[in-house]
Amino acid sequence: MREQLIEVVQRELKYPIVHFIEALTVFAIFKVSVAVGVFQSDYFDLRLVADNGVGMTGSQSI
């Protein structure tokens, strides 16, 4: 079991950039899909919120 764990860790360390790129790609796809979903469904809600002076962070402007 311990040998398998060491082998997996060494393999992961050998190709960290691949996993980093995979993670970035997944994250980018997720962000794009969220942005598209926001524009499709919540666009008018966001505009109402902006008109009421509440930003995306939830901070209120006076």
N, C-alpha and C. Protein backbone atom coordinates (compact mmCIF):
# COMPACT_ATOMS: atom_id res chain seq x y z
N MET A 1 0.83 -1.20 0.00
CA MET A 1 0.00 0.00 0.00
C MET A 1 0.87 1.26 0.00
N ARG A 2 1.89 1.24 0.85
CA ARG A 2 2.76 2.41 0.94
C ARG A 2 3.53 2.62 -0.36
N GLU A 3 3.97 1.52 -0.98
CA GLU A 3 4.68 1.63 -2.25
C GLU A 3 3.78 2.22 -3.33
N GLN A 4 2.52 1.81 -3.33
CA GLN A 4 1.58 2.35 -4.31
C GLN A 4 1.41 3.85 -4.11
N LEU A 5 1.30 4.26 -2.86
CA LEU A 5 1.13 5.68 -2.56
C LEU A 5 2.33 6.49 -3.04
N ILE A 6 3.53 5.99 -2.74
CA ILE A 6 4.75 6.67 -3.18
C ILE A 6 4.78 6.75 -4.71
N GLU A 7 4.41 5.64 -5.36
CA GLU A 7 4.41 5.61 -6.83
C GLU A 7 3.44 6.66 -7.39
N VAL A 8 2.27 6.75 -6.80
CA VAL A 8 1.28 7.73 -7.26
C VAL A 8 1.80 9.15 -7.06
N VAL A 9 2.40 9.40 -5.90
CA VAL A 9 2.92 10.74 -5.62
C VAL A 9 4.01 11.10 -6.61
N GLN A 10 4.93 10.15 -6.87
CA GLN A 10 6.00 10.43 -7.83
C GLN A 10 5.44 10.70 -9.22
N ARG A 11 4.41 9.95 -9.61
CA ARG A 11 3.81 10.16 -10.92
C ARG A 11 3.14 11.53 -10.98
N GLU A 12 2.47 11.92 -9.90
CA GLU A 12 1.82 13.23 -9.85
C GLU A 12 2.86 14.35 -9.92
N LEU A 13 3.98 14.16 -9.22
CA LEU A 13 5.02 15.19 -9.22
C LEU A 13 5.67 15.30 -10.60
N LYS A 14 5.68 14.20 -11.35
CA LYS A 14 6.31 14.23 -12.66
C LYS A 14 5.49 15.05 -13.65
N TYR A 15 4.15 15.04 -13.50
CA TYR A 15 3.29 15.73 -14.45
C TYR A 15 2.39 16.75 -13.76
N PRO A 16 2.93 17.63 -12.93
CA PRO A 16 2.04 18.56 -12.23
C PRO A 16 1.42 19.59 -13.17
N ILE A 17 2.17 19.97 -14.21
CA ILE A 17 1.69 21.02 -15.11
C ILE A 17 0.46 20.53 -15.87
N VAL A 18 0.42 19.24 -16.18
CA VAL A 18 -0.74 18.69 -16.89
C VAL A 18 -1.99 18.83 -16.03
N HIS A 19 -1.85 18.47 -14.75
CA HIS A 19 -3.01 18.56 -13.86
C HIS A 19 -3.38 20.02 -13.63
N PHE A 20 -2.39 20.88 -13.59
CA PHE A 20 -2.66 22.31 -13.42
C PHE A 20 -3.46 22.84 -14.60
N ILE A 21 -3.05 22.45 -15.82
CA ILE A 21 -3.77 22.89 -17.02
C ILE A 21 -5.18 22.30 -17.03
N GLU A 22 -5.31 21.04 -16.64
CA GLU A 22 -6.64 20.43 -16.57
C GLU A 22 -7.53 21.19 -15.61
N ALA A 23 -6.98 21.52 -14.44
CA ALA A 23 -7.76 22.24 -13.45
C ALA A 23 -8.16 23.61 -13.98
N LEU A 24 -7.23 24.30 -14.63
CA LEU A 24 -7.54 25.61 -15.20
C LEU A 24 -8.62 25.50 -16.27
N THR A 25 -8.53 24.47 -17.10
CA THR A 25 -9.52 24.29 -18.16
C THR A 25 -10.90 24.05 -17.57
N VAL A 26 -10.98 23.16 -16.59
CA VAL A 26 -12.26 22.88 -15.94
C VAL A 26 -12.80 24.15 -15.31
N PHE A 27 -11.92 24.89 -14.62
CA PHE A 27 -12.34 26.12 -13.96
C PHE A 27 -12.83 27.14 -14.98
N ALA A 28 -12.12 27.26 -16.10
CA ALA A 28 -12.52 28.22 -17.13
C ALA A 28 -13.87 27.85 -17.73
N ILE A 29 -14.07 26.56 -18.01
CA ILE A 29 -15.36 26.12 -18.56
C ILE A 29 -16.47 26.42 -17.55
N PHE A 30 -16.18 26.15 -16.26
CA PHE A 30 -17.17 26.41 -15.22
C PHE A 30 -17.51 27.89 -15.17
N LYS A 31 -16.48 28.75 -15.20
CA LYS A 31 -16.72 30.19 -15.15
C LYS A 31 -17.54 30.66 -16.34
N VAL A 32 -17.21 30.16 -17.53
CA VAL A 32 -17.95 30.56 -18.73
C VAL A 32 -19.40 30.12 -18.64
N SER A 33 -19.62 28.88 -18.19
CA SER A 33 -20.99 28.39 -18.11
C SER A 33 -21.78 29.18 -17.07
N VAL A 34 -21.13 29.54 -15.96
CA VAL A 34 -21.79 30.35 -14.95
C VAL A 34 -22.13 31.72 -15.52
N ALA A 35 -21.18 32.32 -16.24
CA ALA A 35 -21.43 33.64 -16.82
C ALA A 35 -22.58 33.59 -17.81
N VAL A 36 -22.60 32.56 -18.66
CA VAL A 36 -23.69 32.41 -19.63
C VAL A 36 -25.01 32.23 -18.91
N GLY A 37 -25.01 31.40 -17.86
CA GLY A 37 -26.23 31.18 -17.10
C GLY A 37 -26.72 32.46 -16.45
N VAL A 38 -25.79 33.26 -15.94
CA VAL A 38 -26.17 34.53 -15.32
C VAL A 38 -26.80 35.45 -16.35
N PHE A 39 -26.19 35.53 -17.53
CA PHE A 39 -26.75 36.41 -18.57
C PHE A 39 -28.11 35.93 -19.02
N GLN A 40 -28.30 34.61 -19.10
CA GLN A 40 -29.57 34.10 -19.59
C GLN A 40 -30.68 34.28 -18.56
N SER A 41 -30.43 33.95 -17.30
CA SER A 41 -31.52 33.87 -16.34
C SER A 41 -31.59 35.07 -15.40
N ASP A 42 -30.45 35.54 -14.93
CA ASP A 42 -30.46 36.52 -13.85
C ASP A 42 -30.03 37.90 -14.31
N TYR A 43 -30.03 38.15 -15.61
CA TYR A 43 -29.52 39.43 -16.10
C TYR A 43 -30.34 40.58 -15.55
N PHE A 44 -31.67 40.45 -15.58
CA PHE A 44 -32.51 41.54 -15.12
C PHE A 44 -32.47 41.66 -13.60
N ASP A 45 -32.34 40.52 -12.92
CA ASP A 45 -32.20 40.57 -11.47
C ASP A 45 -30.92 41.32 -11.09
N LEU A 46 -29.83 41.05 -11.81
CA LEU A 46 -28.57 41.73 -11.52
C LEU A 46 -28.71 43.23 -11.78
N ARG A 47 -29.43 43.60 -12.84
CA ARG A 47 -29.60 45.02 -13.13
C ARG A 47 -30.43 45.68 -12.03
N LEU A 48 -31.46 45.00 -11.54
CA LEU A 48 -32.26 45.54 -10.45
C LEU A 48 -31.40 45.73 -9.20
N VAL A 49 -30.57 44.71 -8.92
CA VAL A 49 -29.69 44.79 -7.75
C VAL A 49 -28.73 45.96 -7.91
N ALA A 50 -28.18 46.13 -9.12
CA ALA A 50 -27.25 47.23 -9.35
C ALA A 50 -27.97 48.57 -9.18
N ASP A 51 -29.21 48.66 -9.65
CA ASP A 51 -29.96 49.91 -9.52
C ASP A 51 -30.26 50.22 -8.05
N ASN A 52 -30.41 49.18 -7.24
CA ASN A 52 -30.69 49.40 -5.83
C ASN A 52 -29.43 49.74 -5.04
N GLY A 53 -28.28 49.76 -5.69
CA GLY A 53 -27.05 50.17 -5.04
C GLY A 53 -26.35 49.06 -4.31
N VAL A 54 -26.68 47.82 -4.60
CA VAL A 54 -26.01 46.69 -3.98
C VAL A 54 -25.10 46.06 -5.03
N GLY A 55 -23.80 46.03 -4.75
CA GLY A 55 -22.86 45.49 -5.72
C GLY A 55 -22.84 43.98 -5.70
N MET A 56 -22.02 43.41 -6.59
CA MET A 56 -21.90 41.95 -6.66
C MET A 56 -21.33 41.39 -5.36
N THR A 57 -20.55 42.19 -4.65
CA THR A 57 -19.94 41.70 -3.42
C THR A 57 -20.91 41.79 -2.26
N GLY A 58 -22.06 42.42 -2.46
CA GLY A 58 -23.04 42.56 -1.39
C GLY A 58 -22.84 43.83 -0.59
N SER A 59 -21.89 44.66 -0.97
CA SER A 59 -21.67 45.90 -0.24
C SER A 59 -22.63 46.96 -0.76
N GLN A 60 -23.22 47.70 0.13
CA GLN A 60 -24.20 48.71 -0.27
C GLN A 60 -23.52 50.06 -0.43
N SER A 61 -23.87 50.74 -1.51
CA SER A 61 -23.38 52.10 -1.71
C SER A 61 -24.47 53.07 -1.30
N ILE A 62 -24.08 54.14 -0.63
CA ILE A 62 -25.07 55.08 -0.09
C ILE A 62 -25.29 56.20 -1.09
